[in-house]
């Protein structure tokens, strides 16, 4: 009986160790993915947004007032207006 208990304990400990190593590898892969994939993607996206906003500042006010899509974009990007859901 003692050898069966020891065998079960070793098997359980071995399975737990294997799962712990797999979880640690998953966490490391997650951090690497975050720093080498997600962060550069977000930085590029922010750069593109700022470039678009900068190009919009070149457009004369008269043109902005004539084109409703530009107005909608500027209103949606404004942090000072009240953003309503569904509008």
PDB file of N, CA and C in Angstrom:
ATOM      1  N   UNK A   1       0.812  -1.197   0.000  1.00  0.00           N
ATOM      2  CA  UNK A   1       0.000   0.000   0.000  1.00  0.00           C
ATOM      3  C   UNK A   1       0.861   1.269   0.000  1.00  0.00           C
ATOM      4  N   UNK A   2       1.926   1.202   0.720  1.00  0.00           N
ATOM      5  CA  UNK A   2       2.792   2.368   0.830  1.00  0.00           C
ATOM      6  C   UNK A   2       3.385   2.754  -0.524  1.00  0.00           C
ATOM      7  N   UNK A   3       3.743   1.765  -1.326  1.00  0.00           N
ATOM      8  CA  UNK A   3       4.334   2.077  -2.629  1.00  0.00           C
ATOM      9  C   UNK A   3       3.308   2.690  -3.568  1.00  0.00           C
ATOM     10  N   UNK A   4       2.045   2.293  -3.449  1.00  0.00           N
ATOM     11  CA  UNK A   4       0.994   2.880  -4.281  1.00  0.00           C
ATOM     12  C   UNK A   4       0.801   4.343  -3.914  1.00  0.00           C
ATOM     13  N   UNK A   5       0.766   4.639  -2.605  1.00  0.00           N
ATOM     14  CA  UNK A   5       0.615   6.026  -2.155  1.00  0.00           C
ATOM     15  C   UNK A   5       1.798   6.872  -2.618  1.00  0.00           C
ATOM     16  N   UNK A   6       2.999   6.325  -2.494  1.00  0.00           N
ATOM     17  CA  UNK A   6       4.190   7.061  -2.936  1.00  0.00           C
ATOM     18  C   UNK A   6       4.150   7.304  -4.445  1.00  0.00           C
ATOM     19  N   UNK A   7       3.713   6.320  -5.187  1.00  0.00           N
ATOM     20  CA  UNK A   7       3.619   6.451  -6.632  1.00  0.00           C
ATOM     21  C   UNK A   7       2.594   7.510  -7.022  1.00  0.00           C
ATOM     22  N   UNK A   8       1.458   7.519  -6.349  1.00  0.00           N
ATOM     23  CA  UNK A   8       0.420   8.523  -6.625  1.00  0.00           C
ATOM     24  C   UNK A   8       0.923   9.910  -6.248  1.00  0.00           C
ATOM     25  N   UNK A   9       1.594  10.028  -5.127  1.00  0.00           N
ATOM     26  CA  UNK A   9       2.134  11.328  -4.694  1.00  0.00           C
ATOM     27  C   UNK A   9       3.170  11.845  -5.695  1.00  0.00           C
ATOM     28  N   UNK A  10       4.059  10.968  -6.159  1.00  0.00           N
ATOM     29  CA  UNK A  10       5.066  11.381  -7.135  1.00  0.00           C
ATOM     30  C   UNK A  10       4.414  11.789  -8.452  1.00  0.00           C
ATOM     31  N   UNK A  11       3.400  11.045  -8.872  1.00  0.00           N
ATOM     32  CA  UNK A  11       2.698  11.363 -10.108  1.00  0.00           C
ATOM     33  C   UNK A  11       1.996  12.716 -10.006  1.00  0.00           C
ATOM     34  N   UNK A  12       1.349  12.947  -8.872  1.00  0.00           N
ATOM     35  CA  UNK A  12       0.657  14.221  -8.659  1.00  0.00           C
ATOM     36  C   UNK A  12       1.654  15.373  -8.635  1.00  0.00           C
ATOM     37  N   UNK A  13       2.753  15.181  -7.933  1.00  0.00           N
ATOM     38  CA  UNK A  13       3.782  16.223  -7.863  1.00  0.00           C
ATOM     39  C   UNK A  13       4.379  16.473  -9.244  1.00  0.00           C
ATOM     40  N   UNK A  14       4.606  15.424  -9.986  1.00  0.00           N
ATOM     41  CA  UNK A  14       5.152  15.566 -11.329  1.00  0.00           C
ATOM     42  C   UNK A  14       4.180  16.322 -12.237  1.00  0.00           C
ATOM     43  N   UNK A  15       2.895  15.987 -12.158  1.00  0.00           N
ATOM     44  CA  UNK A  15       1.890  16.694 -12.958  1.00  0.00           C
ATOM     45  C   UNK A  15       1.802  18.154 -12.567  1.00  0.00           C
ATOM     46  N   UNK A  16       1.860  18.428 -11.268  1.00  0.00           N
ATOM     47  CA  UNK A  16       1.803  19.811 -10.797  1.00  0.00           C
ATOM     48  C   UNK A  16       3.013  20.593 -11.292  1.00  0.00           C
ATOM     49  N   UNK A  17       4.188  19.983 -11.215  1.00  0.00           N
ATOM     50  CA  UNK A  17       5.399  20.652 -11.702  1.00  0.00           C
ATOM     51  C   UNK A  17       5.309  20.932 -13.200  1.00  0.00           C
ATOM     52  N   UNK A  18       4.803  19.974 -13.946  1.00  0.00           N
ATOM     53  CA  UNK A  18       4.668  20.148 -15.394  1.00  0.00           C
ATOM     54  C   UNK A  18       3.702  21.277 -15.713  1.00  0.00           C
ATOM     55  N   UNK A  19       2.599  21.326 -15.010  1.00  0.00           N
ATOM     56  CA  UNK A  19       1.631  22.409 -15.235  1.00  0.00           C
ATOM     57  C   UNK A  19       2.213  23.760 -14.854  1.00  0.00           C
ATOM     58  N   UNK A  20       2.981  23.799 -13.769  1.00  0.00           N
ATOM     59  CA  UNK A  20       3.590  25.058 -13.328  1.00  0.00           C
ATOM     60  C   UNK A  20       4.595  25.549 -14.373  1.00  0.00           C
ATOM     61  N   UNK A  21       5.399  24.664 -14.907  1.00  0.00           N
ATOM     62  CA  UNK A  21       6.366  25.043 -15.937  1.00  0.00           C
ATOM     63  C   UNK A  21       5.641  25.530 -17.193  1.00  0.00           C
ATOM     64  N   UNK A  22       4.567  24.845 -17.575  1.00  0.00           N
ATOM     65  CA  UNK A  22       3.799  25.268 -18.752  1.00  0.00           C
ATOM     66  C   UNK A  22       3.184  26.646 -18.530  1.00  0.00           C
ATOM     67  N   UNK A  23       2.675  26.893 -17.331  1.00  0.00           N
ATOM     68  CA  UNK A  23       2.081  28.197 -17.022  1.00  0.00           C
ATOM     69  C   UNK A  23       3.138  29.298 -17.047  1.00  0.00           C
ATOM     70  N   UNK A  24       4.310  29.028 -16.505  1.00  0.00           N
ATOM     71  CA  UNK A  24       5.384  30.022 -16.506  1.00  0.00           C
ATOM     72  C   UNK A  24       5.826  30.315 -17.944  1.00  0.00           C
ATOM     73  N   UNK A  25       5.929  29.275 -18.771  1.00  0.00           N
ATOM     74  CA  UNK A  25       6.284  29.488 -20.188  1.00  0.00           C
ATOM     75  C   UNK A  25       5.218  30.322 -20.895  1.00  0.00           C
ATOM     76  N   UNK A  26       3.948  30.072 -20.577  1.00  0.00           N
ATOM     77  CA  UNK A  26       2.860  30.854 -21.157  1.00  0.00           C
ATOM     78  C   UNK A  26       2.972  32.318 -20.749  1.00  0.00           C
ATOM     79  N   UNK A  27       3.249  32.569 -19.475  1.00  0.00           N
ATOM     80  CA  UNK A  27       3.390  33.952 -19.012  1.00  0.00           C
ATOM     81  C   UNK A  27       4.562  34.656 -19.685  1.00  0.00           C
ATOM     82  N   UNK A  28       5.670  33.953 -19.831  1.00  0.00           N
ATOM     83  CA  UNK A  28       6.832  34.546 -20.501  1.00  0.00           C
ATOM     84  C   UNK A  28       6.499  34.876 -21.954  1.00  0.00           C
ATOM     85  N   UNK A  29       5.815  33.956 -22.643  1.00  0.00           N
ATOM     86  CA  UNK A  29       5.411  34.204 -24.029  1.00  0.00           C
ATOM     87  C   UNK A  29       4.453  35.384 -24.105  1.00  0.00           C
ATOM     88  N   UNK A  30       3.566  35.504 -23.128  1.00  0.00           N
ATOM     89  CA  UNK A  30       2.624  36.617 -23.091  1.00  0.00           C
ATOM     90  C   UNK A  30       3.345  37.949 -22.928  1.00  0.00           C
ATOM     91  N   UNK A  31       4.313  38.015 -22.019  1.00  0.00           N
ATOM     92  CA  UNK A  31       5.074  39.248 -21.824  1.00  0.00           C
ATOM     93  C   UNK A  31       5.907  39.595 -23.059  1.00  0.00           C
ATOM     94  N   UNK A  32       6.523  38.606 -23.673  1.00  0.00           N
ATOM     95  CA  UNK A  32       7.304  38.855 -24.886  1.00  0.00           C
ATOM     96  C   UNK A  32       6.396  39.368 -25.997  1.00  0.00           C
ATOM     97  N   UNK A  33       5.234  38.749 -26.140  1.00  0.00           N
ATOM     98  CA  UNK A  33       4.277  39.208 -27.144  1.00  0.00           C
ATOM     99  C   UNK A  33       3.824  40.630 -26.885  1.00  0.00           C
ATOM    100  N   UNK A  34       3.611  40.954 -25.620  1.00  0.00           N
ATOM    101  CA  UNK A  34       3.165  42.303 -25.276  1.00  0.00           C
ATOM    102  C   UNK A  34       4.232  43.328 -25.632  1.00  0.00           C
ATOM    103  N   UNK A  35       5.469  43.079 -25.233  1.00  0.00           N
ATOM    104  CA  UNK A  35       6.515  44.075 -25.427  1.00  0.00           C
ATOM    105  C   UNK A  35       7.029  44.153 -26.856  1.00  0.00           C
ATOM    106  N   UNK A  36       7.010  43.050 -27.588  1.00  0.00           N
ATOM    107  CA  UNK A  36       7.590  43.066 -28.924  1.00  0.00           C
ATOM    108  C   UNK A  36       6.557  43.134 -30.042  1.00  0.00           C
ATOM    109  N   UNK A  37       5.281  42.919 -29.726  1.00  0.00           N
ATOM    110  CA  UNK A  37       4.244  42.970 -30.757  1.00  0.00           C
ATOM    111  C   UNK A  37       3.234  44.070 -30.445  1.00  0.00           C
ATOM    112  N   UNK A  38       2.618  44.017 -29.275  1.00  0.00           N
ATOM    113  CA  UNK A  38       1.527  44.927 -28.963  1.00  0.00           C
ATOM    114  C   UNK A  38       1.999  46.364 -28.786  1.00  0.00           C
ATOM    115  N   UNK A  39       3.053  46.583 -28.027  1.00  0.00           N
ATOM    116  CA  UNK A  39       3.538  47.946 -27.767  1.00  0.00           C
ATOM    117  C   UNK A  39       3.962  48.657 -29.057  1.00  0.00           C
ATOM    118  N   UNK A  40       4.753  48.035 -29.953  1.00  0.00           N
ATOM    119  CA  UNK A  40       5.065  48.725 -31.210  1.00  0.00           C
ATOM    120  C   UNK A  40       3.823  49.001 -32.065  1.00  0.00           C
ATOM    121  N   UNK A  41       2.860  48.081 -32.044  1.00  0.00           N
ATOM    122  CA  UNK A  41       1.623  48.293 -32.799  1.00  0.00           C
ATOM    123  C   UNK A  41       0.877  49.513 -32.286  1.00  0.00           C
ATOM    124  N   UNK A  42       0.741  49.642 -30.977  1.00  0.00           N
ATOM    125  CA  UNK A  42       0.036  50.786 -30.391  1.00  0.00           C
ATOM    126  C   UNK A  42       0.800  52.079 -30.659  1.00  0.00           C
ATOM    127  N   UNK A  43       2.111  52.034 -30.566  1.00  0.00           N
ATOM    128  CA  UNK A  43       2.907  53.239 -30.855  1.00  0.00           C
ATOM    129  C   UNK A  43       2.738  53.686 -32.303  1.00  0.00           C
ATOM    130  N   UNK A  44       2.735  52.741 -33.238  1.00  0.00           N
ATOM    131  CA  UNK A  44       2.534  53.081 -34.646  1.00  0.00           C
ATOM    132  C   UNK A  44       1.133  53.640 -34.860  1.00  0.00           C
ATOM    133  N   UNK A  45       0.154  53.052 -34.201  1.00  0.00           N
ATOM    134  CA  UNK A  45      -1.220  53.531 -34.316  1.00  0.00           C
ATOM    135  C   UNK A  45      -1.346  54.958 -33.796  1.00  0.00           C
ATOM    136  N   UNK A  46      -0.737  55.251 -32.664  1.00  0.00           N
ATOM    137  CA  UNK A  46      -0.759  56.617 -32.130  1.00  0.00           C
ATOM    138  C   UNK A  46      -0.072  57.597 -33.079  1.00  0.00           C
ATOM    139  N   UNK A  47       1.035  57.166 -33.666  1.00  0.00           N
ATOM    140  CA  UNK A  47       1.744  58.033 -34.624  1.00  0.00           C
ATOM    141  C   UNK A  47       0.863  58.322 -35.838  1.00  0.00           C
ATOM    142  N   UNK A  48       0.172  57.300 -36.330  1.00  0.00           N
ATOM    143  CA  UNK A  48      -0.734  57.498 -37.469  1.00  0.00           C
ATOM    144  C   UNK A  48      -1.889  58.427 -37.117  1.00  0.00           C
ATOM    145  N   UNK A  49      -2.415  58.298 -35.923  1.00  0.00           N
ATOM    146  CA  UNK A  49      -3.515  59.179 -35.490  1.00  0.00           C
ATOM    147  C   UNK A  49      -3.039  60.625 -35.426  1.00  0.00           C
ATOM    148  N   UNK A  50      -1.873  60.844 -34.835  1.00  0.00           N
ATOM    149  CA  UNK A  50      -1.360  62.207 -34.744  1.00  0.00           C
ATOM    150  C   UNK A  50      -1.054  62.783 -36.125  1.00  0.00           C
ATOM    151  N   UNK A  51      -0.577  61.939 -37.039  1.00  0.00           N
ATOM    152  CA  UNK A  51      -0.315  62.413 -38.398  1.00  0.00           C
ATOM    153  C   UNK A  51      -1.619  62.826 -39.070  1.00  0.00           C
ATOM    154  N   UNK A  52      -2.674  62.035 -38.886  1.00  0.00           N
ATOM    155  CA  UNK A  52      -3.971  62.366 -39.469  1.00  0.00           C
ATOM    156  C   UNK A  52      -4.512  63.663 -38.875  1.00  0.00           C
ATOM    157  N   UNK A  53      -4.405  63.790 -37.572  1.00  0.00           N
ATOM    158  CA  UNK A  53      -4.879  65.026 -36.932  1.00  0.00           C
ATOM    159  C   UNK A  53      -4.072  66.239 -37.412  1.00  0.00           C
ATOM    160  N   UNK A  54      -2.777  66.054 -37.575  1.00  0.00           N
ATOM    161  CA  UNK A  54      -1.941  67.155 -38.050  1.00  0.00           C
ATOM    162  C   UNK A  54      -2.317  67.553 -39.467  1.00  0.00           C
ATOM    163  N   UNK A  55      -2.614  66.579 -40.302  1.00  0.00           N
ATOM    164  CA  UNK A  55      -3.030  66.913 -41.672  1.00  0.00           C
ATOM    165  C   UNK A  55      -4.370  67.638 -41.672  1.00  0.00           C
ATOM    166  N   UNK A  56      -5.237  67.307 -40.720  1.00  0.00           N
ATOM    167  CA  UNK A  56      -6.527  67.989 -40.655  1.00  0.00           C
ATOM    168  C   UNK A  56      -6.379  69.455 -40.254  1.00  0.00           C
ATOM    169  N   UNK A  57      -5.315  69.775 -39.551  1.00  0.00           N
ATOM    170  CA  UNK A  57      -5.122  71.186 -39.173  1.00  0.00           C
ATOM    171  C   UNK A  57      -4.732  72.037 -40.374  1.00  0.00           C
ATOM    172  N   UNK A  58      -4.289  71.412 -41.453  1.00  0.00           N
ATOM    173  CA  UNK A  58      -3.920  72.144 -42.663  1.00  0.00           C
ATOM    174  C   UNK A  58      -5.159  72.568 -43.445  1.00  0.00           C
ATOM    175  N   UNK A  59      -6.248  71.832 -43.294  1.00  0.00           N
ATOM    176  CA  UNK A  59      -7.466  72.100 -44.059  1.00  0.00           C
ATOM    177  C   UNK A  59      -8.101  73.402 -43.569  1.00  0.00           C
ATOM    178  N   UNK A  60      -8.451  74.297 -44.482  1.00  0.00           N
ATOM    179  CA  UNK A  60      -9.087  75.561 -44.079  1.00  0.00           C
ATOM    180  C   UNK A  60     -10.452  75.321 -43.415  1.00  0.00           C
ATOM    181  N   UNK A  61     -10.840  76.225 -42.556  1.00  0.00           N
ATOM    182  CA  UNK A  61     -12.102  76.125 -41.811  1.00  0.00           C
ATOM    183  C   UNK A  61     -13.294  76.065 -42.760  1.00  0.00           C
ATOM    184  N   UNK A  62     -13.244  76.808 -43.849  1.00  0.00           N
ATOM    185  CA  UNK A  62     -14.367  76.812 -44.787  1.00  0.00           C
ATOM    186  C   UNK A  62     -14.604  75.418 -45.363  1.00  0.00           C
ATOM    187  N   UNK A  63     -13.540  74.716 -45.668  1.00  0.00           N
ATOM    188  CA  UNK A  63     -13.660  73.370 -46.224  1.00  0.00           C
ATOM    189  C   UNK A  63     -14.192  72.417 -45.161  1.00  0.00           C
ATOM    190  N   UNK A  64     -13.714  72.552 -43.941  1.00  0.00           N
ATOM    191  CA  UNK A  64     -14.188  71.692 -42.845  1.00  0.00           C
ATOM    192  C   UNK A  64     -15.683  71.885 -42.630  1.00  0.00           C
ATOM    193  N   UNK A  65     -16.145  73.129 -42.709  1.00  0.00           N
ATOM    194  CA  UNK A  65     -17.568  73.402 -42.500  1.00  0.00           C
ATOM    195  C   UNK A  65     -18.430  72.861 -43.634  1.00  0.00           C
ATOM    196  N   UNK A  66     -17.858  72.692 -44.823  1.00  0.00           N
ATOM    197  CA  UNK A  66     -18.628  72.179 -45.963  1.00  0.00           C
ATOM    198  C   UNK A  66     -18.692  70.655 -45.998  1.00  0.00           C
ATOM    199  N   UNK A  67     -17.756  69.978 -45.345  1.00  0.00           N
ATOM    200  CA  UNK A  67     -17.699  68.511 -45.427  1.00  0.00           C
ATOM    201  C   UNK A  67     -18.109  67.918 -44.073  1.00  0.00           C
ATOM    202  N   UNK A  68     -19.297  67.322 -44.011  1.00  0.00           N
ATOM    203  CA  UNK A  68     -19.809  66.813 -42.734  1.00  0.00           C
ATOM    204  C   UNK A  68     -18.978  65.671 -42.138  1.00  0.00           C
ATOM    205  N   UNK A  69     -18.349  64.858 -42.972  1.00  0.00           N
ATOM    206  CA  UNK A  69     -17.573  63.726 -42.441  1.00  0.00           C
ATOM    207  C   UNK A  69     -16.357  64.208 -41.643  1.00  0.00           C
ATOM    208  N   UNK A  70     -15.757  65.294 -42.087  1.00  0.00           N
ATOM    209  CA  UNK A  70     -14.630  65.853 -41.334  1.00  0.00           C
ATOM    210  C   UNK A  70     -15.129  66.386 -39.994  1.00  0.00           C
ATOM    211  N   UNK A  71     -16.265  67.057 -40.012  1.00  0.00           N
ATOM    212  CA  UNK A  71     -16.844  67.555 -38.761  1.00  0.00           C
ATOM    213  C   UNK A  71     -17.136  66.414 -37.795  1.00  0.00           C
ATOM    214  N   UNK A  72     -17.714  65.331 -38.306  1.00  0.00           N
ATOM    215  CA  UNK A  72     -18.016  64.177 -37.454  1.00  0.00           C
ATOM    216  C   UNK A  72     -16.741  63.602 -36.857  1.00  0.00           C
ATOM    217  N   UNK A  73     -15.698  63.498 -37.653  1.00  0.00           N
ATOM    218  CA  UNK A  73     -14.437  62.977 -37.156  1.00  0.00           C
ATOM    219  C   UNK A  73     -13.878  63.866 -36.056  1.00  0.00           C
ATOM    220  N   UNK A  74     -13.887  65.164 -36.290  1.00  0.00           N
ATOM    221  CA  UNK A  74     -13.338  66.087 -35.288  1.00  0.00           C
ATOM    222  C   UNK A  74     -14.154  66.063 -34.001  1.00  0.00           C
ATOM    223  N   UNK A  75     -15.475  65.960 -34.117  1.00  0.00           N
ATOM    224  CA  UNK A  75     -16.314  65.884 -32.922  1.00  0.00           C
ATOM    225  C   UNK A  75     -16.083  64.578 -32.176  1.00  0.00           C
ATOM    226  N   UNK A  76     -15.864  63.490 -32.892  1.00  0.00           N
ATOM    227  CA  UNK A  76     -15.650  62.204 -32.221  1.00  0.00           C
ATOM    228  C   UNK A  76     -14.284  62.153 -31.541  1.00  0.00           C
ATOM    229  N   UNK A  77     -13.327  62.943 -31.993  1.00  0.00           N
ATOM    230  CA  UNK A  77     -11.993  62.946 -31.401  1.00  0.00           C
ATOM    231  C   UNK A  77     -11.846  63.977 -30.284  1.00  0.00           C
ATOM    232  N   UNK A  78     -12.827  64.831 -30.130  1.00  0.00           N
ATOM    233  CA  UNK A  78     -12.730  65.886 -29.133  1.00  0.00           C
ATOM    234  C   UNK A  78     -12.979  65.320 -27.736  1.00  0.00           C
ATOM    235  N   UNK A  79     -12.111  65.673 -26.816  1.00  0.00           N
ATOM    236  CA  UNK A  79     -12.274  65.221 -25.432  1.00  0.00           C
ATOM    237  C   UNK A  79     -13.099  66.193 -24.611  1.00  0.00           C
ATOM    238  N   UNK A  80     -13.439  67.325 -25.194  1.00  0.00           N
ATOM    239  CA  UNK A  80     -14.159  68.337 -24.450  1.00  0.00           C
ATOM    240  C   UNK A  80     -15.645  68.315 -24.707  1.00  0.00           C
ATOM    241  N   UNK A  81     -16.092  67.594 -25.723  1.00  0.00           N
ATOM    242  CA  UNK A  81     -17.516  67.500 -25.991  1.00  0.00           C
ATOM    243  C   UNK A  81     -18.104  66.333 -25.240  1.00  0.00           C
ATOM    244  N   UNK A  82     -19.405  66.381 -25.029  1.00  0.00           N
ATOM    245  CA  UNK A  82     -20.092  65.265 -24.371  1.00  0.00           C
ATOM    246  C   UNK A  82     -20.310  64.167 -25.392  1.00  0.00           C
ATOM    247  N   UNK A  83     -19.757  63.006 -25.119  1.00  0.00           N
ATOM    248  CA  UNK A  83     -19.928  61.870 -26.016  1.00  0.00           C
ATOM    249  C   UNK A  83     -21.156  61.101 -25.571  1.00  0.00           C
ATOM    250  N   UNK A  84     -22.122  60.994 -26.471  1.00  0.00           N
ATOM    251  CA  UNK A  84     -23.353  60.267 -26.150  1.00  0.00           C
ATOM    252  C   UNK A  84     -23.305  58.920 -26.828  1.00  0.00           C
ATOM    253  N   UNK A  85     -23.737  57.869 -26.116  1.00  0.00           N
ATOM    254  CA  UNK A  85     -23.760  56.558 -26.734  1.00  0.00           C
ATOM    255  C   UNK A  85     -24.917  56.478 -27.715  1.00  0.00           C
ATOM    256  N   UNK A  86     -24.649  55.860 -28.863  1.00  0.00           N
ATOM    257  CA  UNK A  86     -25.669  55.703 -29.904  1.00  0.00           C
ATOM    258  C   UNK A  86     -25.794  56.902 -30.813  1.00  0.00           C
ATOM    259  N   UNK A  87     -25.077  57.973 -30.567  1.00  0.00           N
ATOM    260  CA  UNK A  87     -25.161  59.159 -31.421  1.00  0.00           C
ATOM    261  C   UNK A  87     -24.028  59.203 -32.392  1.00  0.00           C
TER     262      UNK A  87
END
